[in-house]
Amino acid sequence: MKSNERSLGIGSLRAHIAALAALASLAGCGGEVAVNKPPDTGGTDASASGGSGGADVQAEIGALDQDKVQSTLQRTSDKLSACFHNGVRRIPFMGGEIRFALRIAQGGTATVAYLKESTLGDRDTESCMLGALRGASWPSPVGGKEGLAEGGFSFDPSADERPPVSLDPGRLGKELPKAQQALATCRASQGAGPIKATMYLDTDGKPLAVGVSSADPKGDAAATCVVDALRGMSFPSPGSYAGKVSLVAE
């Protein structure tokens, strides 16, 4: 499967879409292997619950027209770019990658949208991008009630800005266990799986911004809790320039 690349002004956008339900269309394309299986969305539909009677996944999950999904992403790219530009006004050296997952109902509405992975490090920007993806008009799935799609984007920081210092979590010293416990508490409050937090630290050790992602869609509901907890903490100084660090709560 080939990736499309498009300039975003400040950053660059690399997007590749996998219509996970359309297994046949992905065969032989190369790249990632798609599985015709719905992700855990915290719902209770028959296809996800595995109830008695042997629910037919094909009846629940339909195929998405990949060309139409790509077209939707292209139409949404200006909004995604605006989200990134607005974030850069606050965090000039911001950059990173996101990987989103969507569950699309008949009529083209994204009923579920979350970030499976993100190293942007700013929840406001991540939320803005999720809003743009949720608000887009997607193609209706064919042969099922819902369709699944995933995509990845990479945003390069401005060449005019020095990138933040990459920090090992161990640099957080005695504050690391406190931060990990805060993430674990937020995760448990939503019954979510592992959560990843990426944050920028100012030279005084105070977080400038915090981003959140989780392969479990329920982790998105814990994002505000994570951001508030980490923004309220103080960490060791990263040095004479801002730092960037990622933490994971299993």
Protein backbone atom coordinates (compact mmCIF):
# COMPACT_ATOMS: atom_id res chain seq x y z
CA MET A 1 0.00 0.00 0.00
CA LYS A 2 1.49 3.32 -0.99
CA SER A 3 1.54 6.41 1.19
CA ASN A 4 0.38 9.78 -0.07
CA GLU A 5 2.50 12.77 0.93
CA ARG A 6 1.29 16.35 1.05
CA SER A 7 2.78 19.60 2.36
CA LEU A 8 1.19 21.15 5.43
CA GLY A 9 3.24 24.37 5.40
CA ILE A 10 4.87 24.16 8.83
CA GLY A 11 4.94 20.40 8.83
CA SER A 12 4.64 17.52 6.41
CA LEU A 13 1.75 15.12 6.19
CA ARG A 14 2.19 11.48 5.42
CA ALA A 15 -1.08 9.63 5.36
CA HIS A 16 -1.88 6.06 4.56
CA ILE A 17 -5.30 4.60 5.12
CA ALA A 18 -6.17 0.99 5.86
CA ALA A 19 -9.82 0.13 5.46
CA LEU A 20 -9.56 -2.71 7.93
CA ALA A 21 -12.82 -4.36 6.99
CA ALA A 22 -11.96 -4.54 3.29
CA LEU A 23 -9.50 -7.40 3.66
CA ALA A 24 -9.70 -8.47 0.06
CA SER A 25 -8.77 -5.03 -1.23
CA LEU A 26 -5.65 -5.00 0.93
CA ALA A 27 -4.29 -8.35 -0.14
CA GLY A 28 -0.98 -7.99 -1.93
CA CYS A 29 -0.73 -4.24 -1.35
CA GLY A 30 2.25 -4.50 0.95
CA GLY A 31 2.69 -2.53 4.14
CA GLU A 32 0.55 -3.45 7.10
CA VAL A 33 -1.66 -6.52 7.16
CA ALA A 34 -5.30 -5.76 7.93
CA VAL A 35 -7.53 -8.10 9.90
CA ASN A 36 -11.28 -8.16 9.43
CA LYS A 37 -11.98 -7.86 13.15
CA PRO A 38 -13.53 -4.92 14.99
CA PRO A 39 -11.46 -3.26 17.72
CA ASP A 40 -12.67 -2.97 21.30
CA THR A 41 -14.76 0.17 21.37
CA GLY A 42 -16.20 -0.39 24.79
CA GLY A 43 -19.53 -1.28 23.18
CA THR A 44 -21.69 -4.34 23.58
CA ASP A 45 -22.67 -5.17 20.01
CA ALA A 46 -22.85 -8.82 19.09
CA SER A 47 -19.71 -8.77 16.96
CA ALA A 48 -17.56 -7.51 19.82
CA SER A 49 -19.16 -9.35 22.71
CA GLY A 50 -18.66 -12.86 21.37
CA GLY A 51 -22.06 -13.92 22.71
CA SER A 52 -23.70 -17.26 22.10
CA GLY A 53 -25.00 -18.05 18.66
CA GLY A 54 -21.77 -17.19 16.80
CA ALA A 55 -22.32 -13.57 15.71
CA ASP A 56 -21.35 -12.94 12.10
CA VAL A 57 -18.63 -10.26 12.08
CA GLN A 58 -19.19 -9.67 8.38
CA ALA A 59 -22.77 -8.59 9.15
CA GLU A 60 -21.50 -5.97 11.57
CA ILE A 61 -18.35 -4.71 9.83
CA GLY A 62 -18.52 -3.66 6.20
CA ALA A 63 -15.96 -2.54 3.65
CA LEU A 64 -14.95 1.08 3.08
CA ASP A 65 -14.08 2.43 -0.35
CA GLN A 66 -10.42 3.25 0.13
CA ASP A 67 -10.31 5.90 -2.61
CA LYS A 68 -13.25 7.70 -1.01
CA VAL A 69 -11.58 7.52 2.41
CA GLN A 70 -8.44 9.06 0.91
CA SER A 71 -10.53 11.80 -0.69
CA THR A 72 -12.14 12.56 2.66
CA LEU A 73 -8.73 12.85 4.29
CA GLN A 74 -7.55 15.21 1.58
CA ARG A 75 -10.60 17.41 2.15
CA THR A 76 -9.93 17.36 5.88
CA SER A 77 -6.22 18.12 5.61
CA ASP A 78 -6.71 21.91 5.78
CA LYS A 79 -8.45 21.56 9.14
CA LEU A 80 -5.74 19.24 10.41
CA SER A 81 -3.14 21.74 9.23
CA ALA A 82 -4.95 24.56 11.05
CA CYS A 83 -4.94 22.48 14.25
CA PHE A 84 -1.19 22.03 13.94
CA HIS A 85 -0.57 25.71 13.14
CA ASN A 86 -2.56 26.78 16.19
CA GLY A 87 -0.58 24.39 18.36
CA VAL A 88 2.72 25.68 17.04
CA ARG A 89 1.76 29.20 18.12
CA ARG A 90 1.88 27.91 21.69
CA ILE A 91 4.60 25.26 21.30
CA PRO A 92 6.89 26.55 18.51
CA PHE A 93 9.00 23.38 18.38
CA MET A 94 6.07 20.97 18.39
CA GLY A 95 6.23 17.95 16.10
CA GLY A 96 5.53 14.24 16.14
CA GLU A 97 3.34 11.49 14.80
CA ILE A 98 -0.23 10.41 15.35
CA ARG A 99 -2.11 7.28 14.40
CA PHE A 100 -5.88 7.47 14.55
CA ALA A 101 -8.63 4.86 14.40
CA LEU A 102 -12.20 5.45 13.24
CA ARG A 103 -15.41 3.49 13.36
CA ILE A 104 -17.75 4.76 10.65
CA ALA A 105 -21.51 4.15 10.64
CA GLN A 106 -23.99 4.14 7.79
CA GLY A 107 -24.40 7.72 6.61
CA GLY A 108 -20.68 8.41 6.92
CA THR A 109 -20.56 9.51 10.57
CA ALA A 110 -17.53 8.62 12.67
CA THR A 111 -19.12 7.16 15.80
CA VAL A 112 -15.73 6.38 17.35
CA ALA A 113 -12.49 8.31 16.81
CA TYR A 114 -9.41 8.09 18.96
CA LEU A 115 -5.62 8.26 18.82
CA LYS A 116 -3.99 4.87 19.06
CA GLU A 117 -0.58 6.53 19.11
CA SER A 118 0.63 10.11 19.42
CA THR A 119 3.93 11.83 20.08
CA LEU A 120 2.67 15.35 19.35
CA GLY A 121 2.74 16.17 23.06
CA ASP A 122 -0.20 18.60 23.11
CA ARG A 123 -3.73 17.48 23.93
CA ASP A 124 -5.32 20.67 22.59
CA THR A 125 -3.85 19.97 19.16
CA GLU A 126 -4.76 16.28 19.36
CA SER A 127 -8.34 17.12 20.36
CA CYS A 128 -8.60 19.61 17.50
CA MET A 129 -7.49 16.95 15.02
CA LEU A 130 -9.90 14.38 16.43
CA GLY A 131 -12.68 16.93 16.11
CA ALA A 132 -11.82 17.46 12.45
CA LEU A 133 -11.85 13.71 11.81
CA ARG A 134 -15.14 13.22 13.67
CA GLY A 135 -16.74 16.09 11.80
CA ALA A 136 -15.78 14.84 8.34
CA SER A 137 -18.28 13.14 6.03
CA TRP A 138 -16.92 9.64 5.42
CA PRO A 139 -18.11 7.07 2.89
CA SER A 140 -20.77 4.67 4.12
CA PRO A 141 -19.59 1.10 4.69
CA VAL A 142 -20.76 -1.52 2.21
CA GLY A 143 -21.99 -4.90 3.40
CA GLY A 144 -22.16 -4.09 7.09
CA LYS A 145 -23.40 -1.68 9.72
CA GLU A 146 -20.01 -0.05 10.30
CA GLY A 147 -16.61 0.29 8.68
CA LEU A 148 -13.16 0.62 10.24
CA ALA A 149 -10.32 2.83 9.13
CA GLU A 150 -6.89 3.75 10.43
CA GLY A 151 -4.43 6.39 9.30
CA GLY A 152 -1.10 7.88 10.27
CA PHE A 153 0.27 11.40 10.05
CA SER A 154 3.71 12.83 10.70
CA PHE A 155 4.22 16.53 11.47
CA ASP A 156 7.72 17.95 11.26
CA PRO A 157 8.66 20.84 13.55
CA SER A 158 9.60 24.11 11.94
CA ALA A 159 13.13 24.21 10.56
CA ASP A 160 13.46 27.63 12.24
CA GLU A 161 13.07 26.11 15.70
CA ARG A 162 15.50 24.03 17.68
CA PRO A 163 13.82 20.71 18.55
CA PRO A 164 13.31 19.89 22.22
CA VAL A 165 15.81 17.65 23.98
CA SER A 166 14.67 14.03 23.93
CA LEU A 167 14.54 12.80 27.52
CA ASP A 168 14.61 9.29 28.92
CA PRO A 169 11.86 8.85 31.53
CA GLY A 170 14.58 8.12 34.08
CA ARG A 171 15.55 11.79 33.89
CA LEU A 172 12.37 12.57 35.81
CA GLY A 173 14.00 11.17 38.94
CA LYS A 174 11.84 10.68 42.01
CA GLU A 175 8.90 12.29 40.21
CA LEU A 176 8.72 9.42 37.71
CA PRO A 177 6.85 6.98 40.01
CA LYS A 178 4.41 9.75 40.95
CA ALA A 179 3.74 10.51 37.29
CA GLN A 180 3.29 6.84 36.45
CA GLN A 181 0.89 6.41 39.36
CA ALA A 182 -1.12 9.41 38.18
CA LEU A 183 -1.42 7.86 34.72
CA ALA A 184 -2.40 4.51 36.19
CA THR A 185 -5.09 6.13 38.34
CA CYS A 186 -6.55 8.00 35.36
CA ARG A 187 -6.45 4.85 33.24
CA ALA A 188 -8.19 2.78 35.90
CA SER A 189 -10.90 5.41 36.34
CA GLN A 190 -12.09 4.66 32.80
CA GLY A 191 -11.35 0.95 32.75
CA ALA A 192 -8.93 1.59 29.89
CA GLY A 193 -5.89 -0.27 28.68
CA PRO A 194 -2.35 1.13 28.59
CA ILE A 195 -2.08 4.91 28.19
CA LYS A 196 0.82 6.89 26.78
CA ALA A 197 1.52 10.50 27.74
CA THR A 198 4.02 12.71 25.91
CA MET A 199 4.93 16.06 27.41
CA TYR A 200 7.17 19.05 26.84
CA LEU A 201 9.06 20.33 29.88
CA ASP A 202 10.18 23.92 30.26
CA THR A 203 13.65 24.70 31.58
CA ASP A 204 12.20 24.97 35.11
CA GLY A 205 10.73 21.47 34.88
CA LYS A 206 7.11 22.59 34.52
CA PRO A 207 5.12 20.89 31.74
CA LEU A 208 4.41 23.20 28.81
CA ALA A 209 1.94 20.77 27.23
CA VAL A 210 0.85 17.15 27.54
CA GLY A 211 -0.52 14.79 24.89
CA VAL A 212 -2.29 11.46 25.42
CA SER A 213 -2.93 8.34 23.35
CA SER A 214 -4.11 4.77 23.88
CA ALA A 215 -4.77 1.76 21.70
CA ASP A 216 -7.92 1.30 23.79
CA PRO A 217 -10.64 3.78 22.74
CA LYS A 218 -11.70 4.06 26.37
CA GLY A 219 -8.33 5.68 27.05
CA ASP A 220 -9.52 8.82 25.26
CA ALA A 221 -11.93 9.48 28.13
CA ALA A 222 -8.98 9.49 30.55
CA ALA A 223 -7.05 12.14 28.63
CA THR A 224 -8.27 15.16 30.60
CA CYS A 225 -7.42 13.41 33.86
CA VAL A 226 -3.89 12.65 32.61
CA VAL A 227 -3.27 16.18 31.37
CA ASP A 228 -4.51 17.79 34.58
CA ALA A 229 -2.44 15.45 36.74
CA LEU A 230 0.83 15.96 34.87
CA ARG A 231 0.38 19.70 34.36
CA GLY A 232 0.07 20.00 38.13
CA MET A 233 3.47 18.41 38.74
CA SER A 234 7.03 19.75 38.70
CA PHE A 235 9.91 17.74 37.28
CA PRO A 236 13.70 18.14 37.20
CA SER A 237 14.92 20.72 34.72
CA PRO A 238 15.78 19.26 31.31
CA GLY A 239 18.64 21.74 31.08
CA SER A 240 19.03 25.01 29.24
CA TYR A 241 16.41 24.12 26.65
CA ALA A 242 12.97 22.50 26.70
CA GLY A 243 12.74 18.71 26.83
CA LYS A 244 10.29 16.10 25.57
CA VAL A 245 9.51 12.81 27.28
CA SER A 246 6.98 9.98 26.94
CA LEU A 247 5.56 7.81 29.73
CA VAL A 248 3.40 4.69 29.57
CA ALA A 249 1.02 3.36 32.19
CA GLU A 250 0.32 -0.35 31.69
